[in-house]
Amino acid sequence: MEKHVYEQLIKPRPYLWWWVSDKHKLSENAVVEGALANGDMEDIELLFQLFGRQRVKEIFLNQVRKTRHNYRAQTVNFFQKVFAQDE
């Protein structure tokens, strides 16, 4: 994980990835999943600033296309509507 992402998003919000013991090793996919699934709007805005809205959208849509993912149905519905506005 890039140092600035860790310092600005992950370190101050360890509760978003409560199940991970070594948060330095989070992948881009895990960071997006944790923030979208567990974060509030402030966390999501910071995620968009750090990764870019388009990159977050790509990661999210790839994750929810799979048979298994860790998002609640309401979360998937909400972000599908949010990202549909980009088109």
Protein backbone atom coordinates (compact mmCIF):
# COMPACT_ATOMS: atom_id res chain seq x y z
CA MET A 1 0.00 0.00 0.00
CA GLU A 2 1.23 3.47 -0.80
CA LYS A 3 2.43 5.34 2.26
CA HIS A 4 0.19 8.39 1.77
CA VAL A 5 -2.91 6.17 1.50
CA TYR A 6 -1.93 4.35 4.66
CA GLU A 7 -1.19 7.56 6.58
CA GLN A 8 -4.31 9.47 5.48
CA LEU A 9 -6.97 6.77 5.28
CA ILE A 10 -5.97 3.50 6.91
CA LYS A 11 -3.99 4.47 10.00
CA PRO A 12 -6.57 6.95 11.38
CA ARG A 13 -9.45 4.52 10.66
CA PRO A 14 -8.33 1.00 11.65
CA TYR A 15 -11.95 0.07 12.47
CA LEU A 16 -12.76 -0.01 8.74
CA TRP A 17 -10.48 -3.05 8.42
CA TRP A 18 -11.01 -4.50 11.88
CA TRP A 19 -10.37 -8.08 10.69
CA VAL A 20 -6.86 -7.36 9.31
CA SER A 21 -3.92 -7.61 11.69
CA ASP A 22 -1.25 -6.02 9.43
CA LYS A 23 -2.96 -3.11 7.75
CA HIS A 24 0.24 -2.13 5.91
CA LYS A 25 -0.36 -5.11 3.63
CA LEU A 26 -3.86 -4.16 2.49
CA SER A 27 -4.40 -4.37 -1.24
CA GLU A 28 -6.12 -1.67 -3.24
CA ASN A 29 -9.18 -3.95 -3.47
CA ALA A 30 -9.28 -4.45 0.31
CA VAL A 31 -8.99 -0.71 0.96
CA VAL A 32 -11.88 0.07 -1.37
CA GLU A 33 -14.00 -2.75 0.06
CA GLY A 34 -13.38 -1.71 3.66
CA ALA A 35 -14.12 1.95 3.03
CA LEU A 36 -17.26 1.39 0.94
CA ALA A 37 -18.66 -1.37 3.14
CA ASN A 38 -17.84 0.12 6.54
CA GLY A 39 -17.09 3.81 6.09
CA ASP A 40 -19.15 6.95 6.35
CA MET A 41 -19.39 9.66 3.69
CA GLU A 42 -16.27 11.43 4.95
CA ASP A 43 -14.27 8.20 4.56
CA ILE A 44 -15.66 7.65 1.08
CA GLU A 45 -14.88 11.21 -0.02
CA LEU A 46 -11.28 10.71 1.14
CA LEU A 47 -11.15 7.39 -0.71
CA PHE A 48 -12.27 9.16 -3.90
CA GLN A 49 -9.60 11.85 -3.39
CA LEU A 50 -6.82 9.31 -2.87
CA PHE A 51 -7.74 6.76 -5.55
CA GLY A 52 -9.91 8.77 -7.91
CA ARG A 53 -13.62 8.18 -8.32
CA GLN A 54 -13.16 6.28 -11.59
CA ARG A 55 -10.64 3.84 -10.07
CA VAL A 56 -12.92 3.20 -7.06
CA LYS A 57 -15.81 2.60 -9.45
CA GLU A 58 -13.77 0.09 -11.49
CA ILE A 59 -12.68 -1.83 -8.39
CA PHE A 60 -16.18 -1.87 -6.88
CA LEU A 61 -17.88 -3.03 -10.08
CA ASN A 62 -15.30 -5.79 -10.57
CA GLN A 63 -15.86 -6.94 -6.99
CA VAL A 64 -19.65 -7.10 -7.19
CA ARG A 65 -19.59 -8.96 -10.52
CA LYS A 66 -18.10 -11.94 -8.70
CA THR A 67 -20.30 -14.59 -7.16
CA ARG A 68 -19.01 -13.85 -3.68
CA HIS A 69 -18.21 -10.48 -2.17
CA ASN A 70 -18.43 -8.87 1.25
CA TYR A 71 -20.92 -6.08 0.50
CA ARG A 72 -24.45 -6.00 1.87
CA ALA A 73 -27.21 -5.82 -0.74
CA GLN A 74 -28.08 -2.25 0.32
CA THR A 75 -24.47 -1.16 -0.12
CA VAL A 76 -24.28 -2.68 -3.60
CA ASN A 77 -27.53 -1.00 -4.59
CA PHE A 78 -26.45 2.38 -3.23
CA PHE A 79 -23.06 2.46 -4.96
CA GLN A 80 -24.43 1.10 -8.22
CA LYS A 81 -26.78 4.10 -8.24
CA VAL A 82 -23.97 6.49 -7.25
CA PHE A 83 -21.67 5.23 -10.00
CA ALA A 84 -24.48 5.11 -12.58
CA GLN A 85 -24.64 8.91 -12.32
CA ASP A 86 -21.12 9.05 -13.78
CA GLU A 87 -22.32 7.76 -17.13
